[in-house]
Amino acid sequence: MENRECLKCGSTEFAEGTDYMPIKISKMSMSGGNKIYTFCLDCGEVDSIRIENTEIFRKK
């Protein structure tokens, strides 16, 4: 992780994790992109959320 500081507690220790439910285009869609959370290891404050595989959301 790059050098960053938690805005809530000032810690510099972060980790990444994913949610069990991918974000989908619609309820009927079978494919989705995982949400990747970057969070502070000391207080749990979420620093960022990003989506993997954003190509599935582009209109063809």
C-alpha atoms as a PDB file:
ATOM      1  CA  MET A   1       0.000   0.000   0.000  1.00  0.00           C
ATOM      2  CA  GLU A   2       1.206   3.488  -0.679  1.00  0.00           C
ATOM      3  CA  ASN A   3       1.932   5.855   2.203  1.00  0.00           C
ATOM      4  CA  ARG A   4      -1.382   7.165   3.457  1.00  0.00           C
ATOM      5  CA  GLU A   5      -2.905   8.136   6.760  1.00  0.00           C
ATOM      6  CA  CYS A   6      -6.356   7.314   8.089  1.00  0.00           C
ATOM      7  CA  LEU A   7      -8.487  10.461   8.269  1.00  0.00           C
ATOM      8  CA  LYS A   8     -10.309   9.173  11.360  1.00  0.00           C
ATOM      9  CA  CYS A   9      -7.504   7.886  13.622  1.00  0.00           C
ATOM     10  CA  GLY A  10      -4.200   8.759  11.927  1.00  0.00           C
ATOM     11  CA  SER A  11      -3.020   5.153  11.522  1.00  0.00           C
ATOM     12  CA  THR A  12      -0.950   4.187   8.490  1.00  0.00           C
ATOM     13  CA  GLU A  13      -1.860   0.478   8.454  1.00  0.00           C
ATOM     14  CA  PHE A  14      -4.370  -0.501   5.772  1.00  0.00           C
ATOM     15  CA  ALA A  15      -5.636  -3.739   4.241  1.00  0.00           C
ATOM     16  CA  GLU A  16      -7.871  -4.717   1.337  1.00  0.00           C
ATOM     17  CA  GLY A  17     -10.900  -6.975   1.369  1.00  0.00           C
ATOM     18  CA  THR A  18     -13.842  -7.852  -0.847  1.00  0.00           C
ATOM     19  CA  ASP A  19     -17.581  -8.112  -0.360  1.00  0.00           C
ATOM     20  CA  TYR A  20     -19.362 -11.414  -0.954  1.00  0.00           C
ATOM     21  CA  MET A  21     -21.858  -9.800  -3.379  1.00  0.00           C
ATOM     22  CA  PRO A  22     -20.514  -8.448  -6.685  1.00  0.00           C
ATOM     23  CA  ILE A  23     -22.027  -5.289  -8.132  1.00  0.00           C
ATOM     24  CA  LYS A  24     -24.141  -6.165 -11.187  1.00  0.00           C
ATOM     25  CA  ILE A  25     -25.598  -4.332 -14.175  1.00  0.00           C
ATOM     26  CA  SER A  26     -29.112  -5.520 -13.256  1.00  0.00           C
ATOM     27  CA  LYS A  27     -30.838  -8.026 -10.979  1.00  0.00           C
ATOM     28  CA  MET A  28     -31.004 -10.545 -13.810  1.00  0.00           C
ATOM     29  CA  SER A  29     -27.327 -10.240 -14.760  1.00  0.00           C
ATOM     30  CA  MET A  30     -25.116 -13.219 -14.016  1.00  0.00           C
ATOM     31  CA  SER A  31     -21.804 -11.372 -14.249  1.00  0.00           C
ATOM     32  CA  GLY A  32     -20.584  -8.707 -11.895  1.00  0.00           C
ATOM     33  CA  GLY A  33     -17.543  -6.889 -10.613  1.00  0.00           C
ATOM     34  CA  ASN A  34     -16.109  -7.429  -7.141  1.00  0.00           C
ATOM     35  CA  LYS A  35     -16.027  -4.474  -4.761  1.00  0.00           C
ATOM     36  CA  ILE A  36     -12.547  -4.006  -3.285  1.00  0.00           C
ATOM     37  CA  TYR A  37     -12.461  -2.123   0.021  1.00  0.00           C
ATOM     38  CA  THR A  38      -9.308  -0.493   1.395  1.00  0.00           C
ATOM     39  CA  PHE A  39      -9.720   0.053   5.136  1.00  0.00           C
ATOM     40  CA  CYS A  40      -7.782   1.076   8.235  1.00  0.00           C
ATOM     41  CA  LEU A  41      -6.611  -1.879  10.326  1.00  0.00           C
ATOM     42  CA  ASP A  42      -6.905   0.103  13.560  1.00  0.00           C
ATOM     43  CA  CYS A  43     -10.365   1.677  13.412  1.00  0.00           C
ATOM     44  CA  GLY A  44     -11.982   0.044  10.358  1.00  0.00           C
ATOM     45  CA  GLU A  45     -12.621   3.311   8.496  1.00  0.00           C
ATOM     46  CA  VAL A  46     -13.040   2.617   4.766  1.00  0.00           C
ATOM     47  CA  ASP A  47     -10.509   4.643   2.778  1.00  0.00           C
ATOM     48  CA  SER A  48     -11.663   3.632  -0.718  1.00  0.00           C
ATOM     49  CA  ILE A  49     -13.970   1.341  -2.650  1.00  0.00           C
ATOM     50  CA  ARG A  50     -13.191   0.272  -6.200  1.00  0.00           C
ATOM     51  CA  ILE A  51     -14.766  -2.138  -8.680  1.00  0.00           C
ATOM     52  CA  GLU A  52     -12.860  -4.896 -10.481  1.00  0.00           C
ATOM     53  CA  ASN A  53     -13.680  -5.681 -14.104  1.00  0.00           C
ATOM     54  CA  THR A  54     -15.444  -2.435 -15.040  1.00  0.00           C
ATOM     55  CA  GLU A  55     -15.552  -3.572 -18.691  1.00  0.00           C
ATOM     56  CA  ILE A  56     -18.836  -5.415 -18.057  1.00  0.00           C
ATOM     57  CA  PHE A  57     -20.550  -2.057 -17.429  1.00  0.00           C
ATOM     58  CA  ARG A  58     -19.587  -0.551 -20.815  1.00  0.00           C
ATOM     59  CA  LYS A  59     -22.365  -0.516 -23.385  1.00  0.00           C
ATOM     60  CA  LYS A  60     -21.477  -2.409 -26.519  1.00  0.00           C
END
